[in-house]
Protein backbone atom coordinates (compact mmCIF):
# COMPACT_ATOMS: atom_id res chain seq x y z
CA MET A 1 86.00 103.97 81.05
CA THR A 2 83.97 107.37 81.33
CA ILE A 3 84.08 109.51 84.72
CA SER A 4 82.26 112.36 85.89
CA LEU A 5 84.40 114.32 88.67
CA CYS A 6 82.01 115.75 91.00
CA MET A 7 82.99 118.49 93.68
CA ILE A 8 81.07 120.75 96.01
CA VAL A 9 82.91 123.74 96.76
CA LYS A 10 82.21 127.11 98.92
CA ASN A 11 84.67 129.82 99.60
CA GLU A 12 87.65 127.99 97.92
CA GLU A 13 89.26 130.48 95.40
CA GLU A 14 92.60 130.16 97.17
CA ASN A 15 92.48 126.06 96.40
CA LEU A 16 90.11 124.82 93.55
CA GLY A 17 92.09 126.31 90.88
CA ASN A 18 95.20 124.13 91.88
CA CYS A 19 93.26 121.33 92.37
CA LEU A 20 91.44 121.50 88.71
CA ARG A 21 95.03 122.08 86.99
CA SER A 22 96.88 119.04 88.44
CA VAL A 23 93.95 116.84 86.97
CA ALA A 24 92.94 118.42 83.91
CA GLY A 25 92.61 116.76 81.33
CA LEU A 26 91.68 113.27 82.91
CA PHE A 27 87.48 113.39 83.39
CA ASP A 28 84.92 113.61 80.51
CA GLU A 29 82.85 115.78 82.44
CA ILE A 30 83.67 118.26 85.50
CA ASN A 31 80.41 119.08 87.70
CA ILE A 32 80.82 121.63 90.31
CA VAL A 33 78.25 122.27 92.85
CA ASP A 34 78.26 125.72 94.95
CA THR A 35 76.87 125.76 98.17
CA GLY A 36 77.03 129.65 98.99
CA SER A 37 80.39 131.07 97.87
CA THR A 38 81.21 134.90 98.41
CA ASP A 39 84.41 134.91 96.92
CA ARG A 40 85.65 134.26 93.29
CA THR A 41 85.24 130.35 93.62
CA VAL A 42 82.70 130.03 90.80
CA GLU A 43 84.49 132.45 88.44
CA ILE A 44 87.60 130.29 88.80
CA ALA A 45 85.32 127.23 88.46
CA LYS A 46 84.02 128.42 85.02
CA GLU A 47 87.41 128.55 83.66
CA TYR A 48 87.27 124.80 83.58
CA THR A 49 83.75 123.85 83.22
CA ASP A 50 80.32 125.13 82.16
CA ARG A 51 78.52 122.54 84.15
CA ILE A 52 77.94 124.84 87.32
CA PHE A 53 75.50 123.94 89.84
CA TYR A 54 74.08 125.45 92.98
CA PHE A 55 72.72 123.51 96.45
CA GLU A 56 71.56 125.55 99.37
CA TRP A 57 73.49 124.26 102.29
CA ILE A 58 71.00 122.74 104.86
CA ASN A 59 74.06 121.27 107.14
CA ASP A 60 74.83 118.16 105.21
CA PHE A 61 77.94 117.10 103.18
CA SER A 62 76.07 114.30 102.09
CA ALA A 63 72.99 115.84 100.91
CA ALA A 64 75.62 118.33 98.87
CA ARG A 65 77.57 115.07 97.52
CA ASN A 66 74.86 113.29 96.74
CA PHE A 67 73.35 116.36 94.40
CA SER A 68 76.61 116.68 92.90
CA PHE A 69 76.49 112.67 91.81
CA SER A 70 72.68 113.15 90.49
CA LYS A 71 74.34 116.00 88.11
CA ALA A 72 76.72 113.00 86.36
CA THR A 73 76.15 111.76 83.00
CA MET A 74 79.33 109.51 82.42
CA GLU A 75 79.47 105.73 83.61
CA TYR A 76 81.17 106.46 86.90
CA SER A 77 81.71 109.49 89.23
CA MET A 78 84.65 110.52 91.29
CA TRP A 79 84.90 112.70 93.90
CA LEU A 80 87.70 115.30 95.26
CA ASP A 81 87.84 118.00 97.38
CA ALA A 82 88.79 121.75 96.35
CA ASP A 83 92.05 121.34 98.54
CA ASP A 84 93.12 117.94 96.88
CA ILE A 85 95.31 117.51 94.19
CA MET A 86 97.31 114.85 92.01
CA ASP A 87 101.10 115.11 91.63
CA SER A 88 102.87 114.34 88.19
CA ASP A 89 103.33 110.55 88.92
CA ASN A 90 99.96 110.03 90.46
CA TYR A 91 98.56 111.85 87.42
CA ARG A 92 100.27 109.72 84.95
CA ARG A 93 99.28 106.32 86.43
CA PHE A 94 95.55 107.58 86.73
CA ARG A 95 95.80 108.10 82.90
CA ASN A 96 97.02 104.94 82.54
CA PHE A 97 94.31 103.11 84.55
CA LYS A 98 91.33 104.61 82.88
CA ARG A 99 92.93 104.06 79.54
CA ASP A 100 93.42 100.37 80.47
CA PHE A 101 90.19 99.81 82.47
CA LYS A 102 88.41 96.65 81.85
CA ASN A 103 85.28 97.54 83.68
CA ASP A 104 85.21 95.31 85.94
CA ALA A 105 84.56 97.25 89.45
CA ASP A 106 81.95 99.31 90.55
CA CYS A 107 83.53 100.91 93.56
CA ILE A 108 87.30 101.75 93.36
CA PHE A 109 89.57 103.09 96.45
CA MET A 110 92.49 104.62 96.38
CA PRO A 111 95.07 106.06 99.04
CA TYR A 112 94.09 109.60 100.61
CA ILE A 113 97.22 111.35 101.88
CA LEU A 114 96.40 113.70 104.27
CA GLU A 115 99.61 115.00 105.94
CA ARG A 116 103.18 115.17 104.52
CA ALA A 117 106.59 116.50 106.55
CA HIS A 118 108.41 118.83 105.30
CA ASP A 119 110.70 116.00 103.48
CA GLY A 120 107.84 114.71 101.90
CA LYS A 121 107.33 111.50 103.79
CA VAL A 122 103.60 110.93 104.70
CA VAL A 123 102.68 111.25 108.19
CA SER A 124 99.20 110.37 107.97
CA SER A 125 96.73 108.78 105.01
CA SER A 126 93.84 106.59 104.60
CA SER A 127 91.81 104.57 102.05
CA ARG A 128 88.66 106.07 100.45
CA GLU A 129 86.00 105.08 98.49
CA ARG A 130 86.84 107.45 95.24
CA ILE A 131 84.85 106.31 92.47
CA VAL A 132 81.94 104.56 91.72
CA ARG A 133 79.60 103.16 88.77
CA ASN A 134 76.51 105.43 88.92
CA ASN A 135 73.79 102.51 88.19
CA MET A 136 74.62 100.81 91.40
CA GLY A 137 73.02 102.79 93.91
CA TYR A 138 75.77 103.97 96.16
CA ARG A 139 74.76 107.06 98.23
CA TRP A 140 76.66 109.44 100.56
CA GLU A 141 75.45 108.63 104.35
CA ARG A 142 76.32 110.70 107.24
CA PRO A 143 76.23 114.62 107.65
CA VAL A 144 79.88 115.46 107.99
CA HIS A 145 82.63 113.03 107.63
CA GLU A 146 80.50 111.17 105.16
CA GLY A 147 81.21 108.04 103.03
CA LEU A 148 79.67 106.18 100.13
CA VAL A 149 77.66 103.19 100.62
CA GLY A 150 76.49 100.54 98.04
CA ASN A 151 76.85 97.31 96.53
CA GLY A 152 79.19 96.17 94.36
CA LYS A 153 82.51 94.63 93.39
CA ILE A 154 85.30 96.57 95.17
CA VAL A 155 88.95 97.11 93.76
CA THR A 156 92.01 99.07 94.82
CA LEU A 157 93.78 101.20 92.91
CA ASP A 158 97.22 102.58 93.78
CA VAL A 159 96.91 106.36 92.69
CA ALA A 160 97.02 108.89 95.52
CA VAL A 161 95.07 111.84 95.63
CA ILE A 162 96.93 114.42 97.90
CA HIS A 163 95.22 116.82 100.59
CA THR A 164 97.11 119.68 100.56
CA LYS A 165 96.16 122.26 103.74
CA GLU A 166 95.25 122.31 107.16
CA GLU A 167 91.61 122.75 108.18
CA ASN A 168 91.31 126.41 109.28
CA ALA A 169 89.12 127.27 112.56
CA GLN A 170 85.83 128.15 110.52
CA ASN A 171 85.67 124.91 108.96
CA LEU A 172 86.66 122.93 112.20
CA LEU A 173 84.16 124.76 114.07
CA ARG A 174 81.70 124.14 110.91
CA TYR A 175 82.42 120.18 110.66
CA PHE A 176 82.23 120.15 114.66
CA ASN A 177 78.74 121.79 114.67
CA VAL A 178 77.58 119.32 111.89
CA VAL A 179 78.66 116.32 113.88
CA GLU A 180 77.49 117.46 117.12
CA GLY A 181 74.23 117.83 115.91
CA ALA A 182 73.98 114.90 114.52
CA VAL A 183 74.92 112.93 117.50
CA LYS A 184 72.55 115.01 119.76
CA SER A 185 69.66 114.25 117.53
CA GLY A 186 69.86 110.76 118.73
CA ASN A 187 70.07 109.49 115.03
CA CYS A 188 73.63 108.90 114.41
CA THR A 189 76.08 106.01 113.76
CA PRO A 190 79.27 104.48 115.33
CA ALA A 191 81.04 106.80 112.78
CA ASP A 192 79.42 110.15 114.07
CA ASN A 193 80.67 109.05 117.81
CA TYR A 194 84.17 108.16 116.35
CA TYR A 195 84.49 111.78 114.90
CA TYR A 196 82.59 113.43 117.79
CA GLY A 197 84.90 111.77 120.16
CA LEU A 198 88.04 112.54 118.13
CA MET A 199 87.14 116.62 117.79
CA LEU A 200 86.19 116.50 121.89
CA SER A 201 89.53 114.71 122.68
CA ALA A 202 91.41 117.44 120.75
CA ILE A 203 89.51 120.34 122.34
CA GLY A 204 90.07 118.81 126.03
CA ARG A 205 86.81 117.87 126.55
CA HIS A 206 88.01 114.60 127.64
CA GLU A 207 85.09 112.96 129.59
CA GLU A 208 82.97 113.40 126.87
CA ALA A 209 85.69 112.29 124.44
CA VAL A 210 85.70 109.15 126.24
CA GLU A 211 81.92 108.54 126.31
CA GLN A 212 81.55 108.70 122.43
CA LEU A 213 85.01 106.90 121.70
CA ASN A 214 83.48 104.15 124.19
CA LEU A 215 80.56 104.16 122.01
CA PHE A 216 82.05 103.79 118.84
CA ILE A 217 84.78 100.99 120.29
CA ASP A 218 81.71 99.04 121.65
CA ASN A 219 79.67 99.02 118.76
CA SER A 220 79.48 95.58 117.84
CA LYS A 221 77.91 96.02 114.11
CA ASP A 222 81.17 95.99 112.19
CA LYS A 223 84.43 95.33 114.16
CA ALA A 224 86.10 95.53 111.07
CA PHE A 225 85.50 99.50 110.89
CA THR A 226 87.75 100.28 113.83
CA GLY A 227 89.39 103.33 113.20
CA ILE A 228 92.72 103.78 115.13
CA GLY A 229 92.54 107.05 115.70
CA ALA A 230 89.85 106.42 118.49
CA PHE A 231 92.68 104.38 120.52
CA LEU A 232 94.76 107.06 120.24
CA SER A 233 92.77 109.40 121.50
CA ILE A 234 90.83 107.87 123.75
CA TYR A 235 94.19 106.30 125.65
CA ASN A 236 95.13 110.19 125.40
CA SER A 237 91.99 111.37 127.21
CA TYR A 238 92.16 108.70 129.91
CA ILE A 239 95.90 109.89 130.51
CA ALA A 240 94.70 113.75 130.52
CA LEU A 241 92.13 112.45 133.04
CA GLY A 242 94.62 110.66 135.26
CA ASP A 243 92.85 107.37 134.75
CA VAL A 244 95.83 104.98 133.92
CA GLU A 245 93.71 101.81 134.60
CA ASN A 246 91.42 102.64 132.09
CA ALA A 247 94.10 103.90 129.70
CA TYR A 248 95.78 100.40 129.71
CA LYS A 249 92.49 98.68 129.91
CA VAL A 250 91.26 100.09 126.64
CA LEU A 251 94.26 98.77 124.95
CA ALA A 252 94.82 95.42 126.66
CA LEU A 253 91.06 94.43 125.78
CA ASN A 254 90.92 95.63 121.94
CA GLU A 255 94.17 93.80 120.43
CA ASP A 256 91.80 91.19 118.19
CA VAL A 257 90.58 94.53 116.21
CA ASN A 258 93.99 96.10 116.14
CA LYS A 259 96.53 93.50 115.71
CA ASN A 260 97.42 94.51 112.25
CA LYS A 261 98.19 98.23 113.53
CA SER A 262 101.55 99.51 114.55
CA GLU A 263 100.39 102.41 116.00
CA TYR A 264 98.35 100.03 118.62
CA TYR A 265 101.52 98.15 119.82
CA CYS A 266 103.35 101.39 119.62
CA LEU A 267 101.12 102.91 121.76
CA LEU A 268 100.56 99.53 124.41
CA GLY A 269 104.50 99.24 124.24
CA HIS A 270 105.12 102.72 125.40
CA PHE A 271 102.65 102.33 128.01
CA VAL A 272 104.09 99.18 129.42
CA MET A 273 107.55 100.18 129.00
CA ASN A 274 107.17 103.43 130.98
CA SER A 275 104.16 102.85 133.18
CA VAL A 276 104.46 99.24 134.05
CA LYS A 277 108.31 99.05 133.58
CA ASP A 278 108.00 95.60 132.14
CA TYR A 279 110.57 96.26 129.03
CA ASP A 280 110.70 92.54 127.88
CA LEU A 281 106.73 92.63 127.38
CA ALA A 282 107.65 96.22 125.94
CA GLN A 283 110.22 95.14 123.42
CA SER A 284 107.53 92.41 122.44
CA TYR A 285 104.88 94.79 121.65
CA PHE A 286 107.32 97.39 119.62
CA GLU A 287 108.55 93.98 117.74
CA LYS A 288 104.90 92.93 116.53
CA ALA A 289 104.56 96.94 115.39
CA LEU A 290 107.55 96.21 112.89
CA THR A 291 105.37 93.30 111.47
CA CYS A 292 102.23 95.44 110.96
CA ASN A 293 101.06 96.92 107.57
CA GLY A 294 98.05 98.77 109.18
CA ASN A 295 95.71 96.85 106.44
CA GLU A 296 91.92 96.29 107.66
CA GLY A 297 91.65 92.80 106.14
CA LYS A 298 89.04 92.34 104.22
CA VAL A 299 87.46 95.74 104.42
CA PRO A 300 88.94 98.15 102.06
CA ILE A 301 88.14 101.38 104.14
CA CYS A 302 91.20 102.62 106.56
CA LEU A 303 90.06 105.74 108.67
CA GLN A 304 93.40 107.15 109.36
CA LYS A 305 96.97 105.41 109.12
CA PHE A 306 99.38 107.28 111.14
CA ASP A 307 102.49 106.07 108.50
CA GLU A 308 105.56 106.86 110.72
CA TYR A 309 104.22 104.41 113.47
CA TYR A 310 105.16 101.64 110.37
CA TYR A 311 108.54 102.99 110.11
CA PHE A 312 110.17 105.28 112.31
CA ARG A 313 108.38 105.48 115.65
CA PRO A 314 108.69 101.42 116.34
CA TRP A 315 112.37 101.54 115.93
CA ASN A 316 112.68 104.58 118.20
CA TYR A 317 110.81 103.00 120.56
CA LEU A 318 112.99 99.96 120.42
CA GLY A 319 116.00 101.51 120.94
CA GLN A 320 114.55 103.14 124.19
CA CYS A 321 113.49 100.21 125.56
CA PHE A 322 117.02 98.32 124.72
CA LEU A 323 118.61 101.67 126.93
CA LYS A 324 116.14 100.76 129.94
CA LYS A 325 117.31 97.24 129.42
CA LYS A 326 121.25 98.47 129.11
CA GLU A 327 121.45 96.32 125.84
CA TYR A 328 123.51 98.90 123.87
CA LEU A 329 124.36 97.49 121.16
CA LYS A 330 120.91 96.51 120.10
CA ALA A 331 120.00 100.04 121.17
CA LYS A 332 122.43 101.59 118.96
CA ASN A 333 121.04 99.39 116.28
CA ALA A 334 117.49 100.11 116.74
CA PHE A 335 118.28 104.15 116.84
CA GLY A 336 120.02 103.57 113.46
CA GLU A 337 117.11 102.08 111.90
CA ALA A 338 115.04 105.29 112.76
CA LEU A 339 117.70 107.41 111.67
CA LYS A 340 117.66 105.83 108.04
CA TYR A 341 113.77 107.13 108.01
CA ASP A 342 114.67 110.78 109.65
CA PRO A 343 118.37 111.56 108.29
CA ASP A 344 117.70 115.01 109.34
CA SER A 345 117.13 114.37 112.87
CA GLU A 346 119.97 116.10 114.79
CA GLU A 347 118.82 113.90 118.15
CA LEU A 348 119.55 110.31 116.87
CA PRO A 349 123.25 110.95 116.06
CA GLU A 350 123.83 112.63 119.36
CA LEU A 351 121.99 109.52 121.24
CA ILE A 352 124.03 107.18 119.08
CA ALA A 353 127.22 108.93 120.07
CA LYS A 354 126.73 108.96 123.52
CA ILE A 355 125.61 105.05 123.24
CA ASP A 356 128.94 104.29 121.26
CA THR A 357 130.70 105.69 124.77
CA LEU A 358 128.90 103.48 127.33
CA ILE A 359 129.81 100.92 124.70
CA GLU A 360 133.19 101.45 125.10
CA LYS A 361 133.03 101.83 128.87
CA THR A 362 131.55 98.20 129.06
CA LYS A 363 134.72 97.16 127.50
CA LYS A 364 137.42 98.63 129.73
């Protein structure tokens, strides 16, 4: 298996060296496409490859990525961003995969760790199309939050790429302007509505966010492409607008597309517990959350997975629910499970100690 690493960069002098050092020796070719750097990015790139290309920025990430893939001369192409790395364990597994590969895939999906807590636990992640065969016609689409589109045999590889930095204000504004331009042009995809809606919700433009996210949720072309973030954001925007009825409705009417998402059941259960005060129903949702794994079924792409919903939050919420039901021993056990996933918590041991006091009082 031969792989061309294809990257697009701009003003990444703080990150590019870390990225390329972390994957040194894994690729048969490295192609770096610069889109207008004014710092030492190109100089750093030249330490790792002489295949440096230049692309005039036209507010279209897909155009730049397609240009980078057009320079590949190996059988497969893989993409990374300048602030991505592989740690030593994933480096080893990727090297072994490449060595033993049987040439039986056209598109390879890999986990993408988007955010980690201070203790290393994954906070959010996704599954992304990372490697494609070069003669199968795969193309990047959408001007921002772009994706690879094509037909071929898909496999998944349990080797993670790790995103290492939070986006700065300048980059976020750049993304916002590009996706806003796509939406306002009228020539946009449901994914553009999704990302635009998330951004609008994050900056407090809730009425516009609701409109965009509903366009995404109501899209009937591909219900497997759910994007749990759409439901988290539209719920928060409805709550911010004081529209409790629609906050509940957008959850209650969309269980089918979220039936394997712990985030969904945690959010629905939290609403039912605190707003409807139906603690038995809330309990059933939290227990469902504990059975979910977040998989998208037949579609390997996962826009975003909020991993703490798959270990910490459902147990924590279940403990809160049992407290409201005055089922103290069950509450203690649930908070104990939550503590296993957050052993540094200061709040949970104090809460468990208070529950012990309540349990002793009930015995008297």
